[in-house]
Amino acid sequence: MLFSVRVTNHQSNVMLNICDASLLGKNIVKDNFNVNISKSCYGERIVEKEEAEELLKKSSTINMVGKETILLSTNLGIGSHSGVKEIDGVPFLIVFKI
């Protein structure tokens, strides 16, 4: 499985935007709510599962989109299924590590 990521470092915080690579560039619509899973937000580079795991572990703020991404994260103990929201069947999860 491939993941699309964008990493931003600010002071001592690492922010990770990560999604299933297959979702990159898609628009998700529910009622009047439209979400674009854009390259500018998630598409800095494509990584394999092992690198995605390392990025998830070291990031302090994580914005996740996609079934595989969220499954990988929750299997690592990062985030929980109770925090997952769905838009048009696509799961989203945001995690802030304290």
N, C-alpha and C. Protein backbone atom coordinates (compact mmCIF):
# COMPACT_ATOMS: atom_id res chain seq x y z
N MET A 1 0.85 -1.18 0.00
CA MET A 1 0.00 0.00 0.00
C MET A 1 0.88 1.23 0.00
N LEU A 2 0.49 2.22 -0.79
CA LEU A 2 1.21 3.48 -0.87
C LEU A 2 0.41 4.58 -0.20
N PHE A 3 1.13 5.54 0.37
CA PHE A 3 0.52 6.66 1.07
C PHE A 3 1.10 7.96 0.51
N SER A 4 0.27 8.98 0.45
CA SER A 4 0.72 10.29 0.01
C SER A 4 0.84 11.18 1.24
N VAL A 5 1.97 11.89 1.37
CA VAL A 5 2.22 12.65 2.59
C VAL A 5 2.73 14.06 2.30
N ARG A 6 2.50 14.93 3.27
CA ARG A 6 3.12 16.25 3.32
C ARG A 6 3.50 16.47 4.78
N VAL A 7 4.76 16.78 5.01
CA VAL A 7 5.27 16.99 6.36
C VAL A 7 5.66 18.46 6.52
N THR A 8 5.22 19.06 7.61
CA THR A 8 5.56 20.44 7.92
C THR A 8 6.19 20.47 9.31
N ASN A 9 7.36 21.07 9.41
CA ASN A 9 8.04 21.23 10.69
C ASN A 9 7.94 22.68 11.14
N HIS A 10 7.52 22.89 12.37
CA HIS A 10 7.47 24.24 12.94
C HIS A 10 7.92 24.15 14.39
N GLN A 11 9.05 24.78 14.67
CA GLN A 11 9.67 24.72 15.99
C GLN A 11 9.90 23.25 16.32
N SER A 12 9.35 22.74 17.38
CA SER A 12 9.57 21.33 17.72
C SER A 12 8.37 20.45 17.36
N ASN A 13 7.44 20.97 16.58
CA ASN A 13 6.25 20.22 16.19
C ASN A 13 6.35 19.73 14.75
N VAL A 14 5.93 18.50 14.55
CA VAL A 14 5.89 17.92 13.21
C VAL A 14 4.43 17.67 12.87
N MET A 15 3.94 18.31 11.80
CA MET A 15 2.57 18.11 11.34
C MET A 15 2.60 17.24 10.10
N LEU A 16 1.80 16.19 10.11
CA LEU A 16 1.73 15.24 9.00
C LEU A 16 0.33 15.24 8.42
N ASN A 17 0.23 15.48 7.12
CA ASN A 17 -0.99 15.24 6.36
C ASN A 17 -0.72 13.97 5.57
N ILE A 18 -1.57 12.97 5.74
CA ILE A 18 -1.35 11.67 5.10
C ILE A 18 -2.68 11.10 4.61
N CYS A 19 -2.64 10.51 3.41
CA CYS A 19 -3.84 9.88 2.87
C CYS A 19 -3.46 8.65 2.07
N ASP A 20 -4.45 7.79 1.82
CA ASP A 20 -4.26 6.69 0.88
C ASP A 20 -3.89 7.32 -0.46
N ALA A 21 -2.83 6.87 -1.08
CA ALA A 21 -2.37 7.48 -2.34
C ALA A 21 -3.47 7.45 -3.41
N SER A 22 -4.32 6.46 -3.37
CA SER A 22 -5.39 6.34 -4.38
C SER A 22 -6.44 7.45 -4.26
N LEU A 23 -6.47 8.16 -3.13
CA LEU A 23 -7.45 9.23 -2.92
C LEU A 23 -6.94 10.59 -3.38
N LEU A 24 -5.66 10.71 -3.63
CA LEU A 24 -5.07 12.00 -3.99
C LEU A 24 -5.74 12.59 -5.23
N GLY A 25 -6.18 13.83 -5.11
CA GLY A 25 -6.83 14.52 -6.23
C GLY A 25 -8.33 14.32 -6.31
N LYS A 26 -8.90 13.52 -5.43
CA LYS A 26 -10.35 13.25 -5.47
C LYS A 26 -11.14 14.32 -4.72
N ASN A 27 -12.35 14.52 -5.16
CA ASN A 27 -13.32 15.38 -4.47
C ASN A 27 -14.34 14.48 -3.80
N ILE A 28 -14.60 14.75 -2.55
CA ILE A 28 -15.58 14.00 -1.78
C ILE A 28 -16.72 14.97 -1.48
N VAL A 29 -17.95 14.57 -1.75
CA VAL A 29 -19.09 15.46 -1.58
C VAL A 29 -20.16 14.79 -0.73
N LYS A 30 -20.69 15.56 0.23
CA LYS A 30 -21.84 15.11 1.01
C LYS A 30 -22.72 16.32 1.25
N ASP A 31 -23.91 16.28 0.74
CA ASP A 31 -24.83 17.41 0.79
C ASP A 31 -24.14 18.62 0.15
N ASN A 32 -24.01 19.71 0.87
CA ASN A 32 -23.36 20.91 0.34
C ASN A 32 -21.90 21.00 0.76
N PHE A 33 -21.36 19.95 1.33
CA PHE A 33 -19.99 19.94 1.85
C PHE A 33 -19.08 19.24 0.84
N ASN A 34 -18.05 19.95 0.38
CA ASN A 34 -17.13 19.41 -0.62
C ASN A 34 -15.71 19.44 -0.06
N VAL A 35 -15.03 18.29 -0.09
CA VAL A 35 -13.64 18.20 0.36
C VAL A 35 -12.79 17.75 -0.82
N ASN A 36 -11.74 18.52 -1.10
CA ASN A 36 -10.79 18.16 -2.14
C ASN A 36 -9.54 17.61 -1.47
N ILE A 37 -9.22 16.38 -1.74
CA ILE A 37 -8.00 15.75 -1.19
C ILE A 37 -6.88 16.14 -2.15
N SER A 38 -6.35 17.33 -1.94
CA SER A 38 -5.49 17.98 -2.92
C SER A 38 -4.01 17.61 -2.78
N LYS A 39 -3.32 17.76 -3.91
CA LYS A 39 -1.87 17.56 -3.91
C LYS A 39 -1.18 18.61 -3.05
N SER A 40 -1.73 19.82 -3.02
CA SER A 40 -1.10 20.88 -2.23
C SER A 40 -1.16 20.58 -0.73
N CYS A 41 -2.14 19.81 -0.30
CA CYS A 41 -2.27 19.48 1.12
C CYS A 41 -1.65 18.13 1.47
N TYR A 42 -1.80 17.15 0.60
CA TYR A 42 -1.37 15.78 0.90
C TYR A 42 -0.30 15.23 -0.04
N GLY A 43 0.04 15.95 -1.09
CA GLY A 43 0.82 15.34 -2.16
C GLY A 43 2.27 15.73 -2.29
N GLU A 44 2.95 15.97 -1.19
CA GLU A 44 4.38 16.29 -1.29
C GLU A 44 5.17 15.13 -1.88
N ARG A 45 4.87 13.90 -1.39
CA ARG A 45 5.54 12.71 -1.93
C ARG A 45 4.77 11.45 -1.57
N ILE A 46 5.10 10.38 -2.28
CA ILE A 46 4.49 9.07 -2.06
C ILE A 46 5.48 8.21 -1.27
N VAL A 47 4.96 7.52 -0.23
CA VAL A 47 5.83 6.69 0.60
C VAL A 47 5.23 5.29 0.76
N GLU A 48 6.09 4.36 1.09
CA GLU A 48 5.68 2.98 1.38
C GLU A 48 5.20 2.89 2.83
N LYS A 49 4.61 1.76 3.19
CA LYS A 49 4.05 1.53 4.51
C LYS A 49 5.06 1.77 5.63
N GLU A 50 6.28 1.30 5.49
CA GLU A 50 7.27 1.42 6.55
C GLU A 50 7.59 2.88 6.87
N GLU A 51 7.76 3.70 5.83
CA GLU A 51 8.03 5.12 6.07
C GLU A 51 6.80 5.82 6.63
N ALA A 52 5.62 5.44 6.17
CA ALA A 52 4.39 6.02 6.70
C ALA A 52 4.28 5.74 8.20
N GLU A 53 4.63 4.52 8.62
CA GLU A 53 4.60 4.17 10.04
C GLU A 53 5.53 5.07 10.84
N GLU A 54 6.74 5.28 10.35
CA GLU A 54 7.71 6.13 11.04
C GLU A 54 7.22 7.57 11.14
N LEU A 55 6.65 8.07 10.07
CA LEU A 55 6.11 9.44 10.09
C LEU A 55 4.95 9.56 11.08
N LEU A 56 4.08 8.58 11.11
CA LEU A 56 2.97 8.59 12.07
C LEU A 56 3.48 8.60 13.50
N LYS A 57 4.51 7.83 13.78
CA LYS A 57 5.06 7.73 15.13
C LYS A 57 5.70 9.03 15.59
N LYS A 58 6.39 9.73 14.70
CA LYS A 58 7.15 10.91 15.12
C LYS A 58 6.39 12.23 15.01
N SER A 59 5.22 12.23 14.41
CA SER A 59 4.46 13.46 14.20
C SER A 59 3.63 13.82 15.43
N SER A 60 3.50 15.12 15.68
CA SER A 60 2.73 15.57 16.83
C SER A 60 1.28 15.92 16.47
N THR A 61 1.05 16.31 15.23
CA THR A 61 -0.29 16.58 14.73
C THR A 61 -0.45 15.83 13.42
N ILE A 62 -1.54 15.05 13.30
CA ILE A 62 -1.72 14.22 12.13
C ILE A 62 -3.13 14.39 11.57
N ASN A 63 -3.20 14.70 10.28
CA ASN A 63 -4.46 14.83 9.56
C ASN A 63 -4.51 13.66 8.57
N MET A 64 -5.43 12.72 8.79
CA MET A 64 -5.47 11.47 8.02
C MET A 64 -6.75 11.33 7.21
N VAL A 65 -6.61 10.76 6.00
CA VAL A 65 -7.76 10.48 5.16
C VAL A 65 -7.57 9.11 4.51
N GLY A 66 -8.59 8.27 4.59
CA GLY A 66 -8.56 6.98 3.90
C GLY A 66 -8.54 5.79 4.82
N LYS A 67 -9.15 4.72 4.36
CA LYS A 67 -9.27 3.50 5.17
C LYS A 67 -7.93 2.91 5.54
N GLU A 68 -7.03 2.78 4.57
CA GLU A 68 -5.72 2.17 4.84
C GLU A 68 -4.88 3.02 5.77
N THR A 69 -4.92 4.33 5.59
CA THR A 69 -4.17 5.25 6.44
C THR A 69 -4.64 5.15 7.88
N ILE A 70 -5.94 5.20 8.08
CA ILE A 70 -6.48 5.17 9.44
C ILE A 70 -6.28 3.80 10.07
N LEU A 71 -6.40 2.74 9.31
CA LEU A 71 -6.14 1.41 9.82
C LEU A 71 -4.68 1.29 10.28
N LEU A 72 -3.75 1.78 9.48
CA LEU A 72 -2.34 1.76 9.84
C LEU A 72 -2.11 2.53 11.14
N SER A 73 -2.68 3.70 11.24
CA SER A 73 -2.51 4.54 12.41
C SER A 73 -3.09 3.89 13.67
N THR A 74 -4.32 3.42 13.60
CA THR A 74 -4.94 2.83 14.79
C THR A 74 -4.26 1.53 15.18
N ASN A 75 -3.73 0.77 14.23
CA ASN A 75 -2.96 -0.43 14.56
C ASN A 75 -1.68 -0.09 15.32
N LEU A 76 -1.16 1.12 15.11
CA LEU A 76 0.02 1.59 15.84
C LEU A 76 -0.36 2.21 17.18
N GLY A 77 -1.65 2.28 17.48
CA GLY A 77 -2.11 2.87 18.73
C GLY A 77 -2.22 4.39 18.66
N ILE A 78 -2.23 4.93 17.46
CA ILE A 78 -2.33 6.38 17.25
C ILE A 78 -3.74 6.68 16.80
N GLY A 79 -4.51 7.34 17.66
CA GLY A 79 -5.91 7.62 17.36
C GLY A 79 -6.78 6.42 17.68
N SER A 80 -8.08 6.63 17.56
CA SER A 80 -9.03 5.53 17.82
C SER A 80 -10.17 5.60 16.82
N HIS A 81 -10.82 4.47 16.65
CA HIS A 81 -11.93 4.40 15.69
C HIS A 81 -13.09 5.30 16.12
N SER A 82 -13.20 5.58 17.42
CA SER A 82 -14.30 6.43 17.89
C SER A 82 -14.18 7.87 17.40
N GLY A 83 -12.98 8.32 17.02
CA GLY A 83 -12.78 9.67 16.53
C GLY A 83 -12.94 9.81 15.03
N VAL A 84 -13.14 8.71 14.33
CA VAL A 84 -13.21 8.73 12.87
C VAL A 84 -14.56 9.28 12.41
N LYS A 85 -14.52 10.21 11.46
CA LYS A 85 -15.72 10.73 10.81
C LYS A 85 -15.66 10.33 9.34
N GLU A 86 -16.82 10.20 8.69
CA GLU A 86 -16.86 9.82 7.28
C GLU A 86 -17.59 10.86 6.46
N ILE A 87 -17.06 11.09 5.28
CA ILE A 87 -17.72 11.93 4.28
C ILE A 87 -17.80 11.09 3.01
N ASP A 88 -19.01 10.81 2.58
CA ASP A 88 -19.24 10.00 1.38
C ASP A 88 -18.49 8.66 1.44
N GLY A 89 -18.45 8.06 2.62
CA GLY A 89 -17.81 6.76 2.80
C GLY A 89 -16.30 6.80 2.97
N VAL A 90 -15.70 7.98 2.95
CA VAL A 90 -14.25 8.12 3.11
C VAL A 90 -13.96 8.58 4.54
N PRO A 91 -13.19 7.80 5.32
CA PRO A 91 -12.93 8.16 6.71
C PRO A 91 -11.85 9.24 6.86
N PHE A 92 -12.05 10.11 7.86
CA PHE A 92 -11.12 11.17 8.22
C PHE A 92 -10.82 11.07 9.71
N LEU A 93 -9.60 11.40 10.10
CA LEU A 93 -9.24 11.40 11.52
C LEU A 93 -8.13 12.42 11.73
N ILE A 94 -8.27 13.23 12.77
CA ILE A 94 -7.22 14.17 13.16
C ILE A 94 -6.77 13.80 14.57
N VAL A 95 -5.44 13.75 14.76
CA VAL A 95 -4.87 13.39 16.05
C VAL A 95 -3.89 14.47 16.49
N PHE A 96 -4.01 14.89 17.75
CA PHE A 96 -3.06 15.80 18.37
C PHE A 96 -2.39 15.04 19.51
N LYS A 97 -1.09 14.84 19.44
CA LYS A 97 -0.38 14.17 20.51
C LYS A 97 0.08 15.23 21.53
N ILE A 98 -0.14 14.91 22.79
CA ILE A 98 0.25 15.86 23.85
C ILE A 98 1.43 15.29 24.62
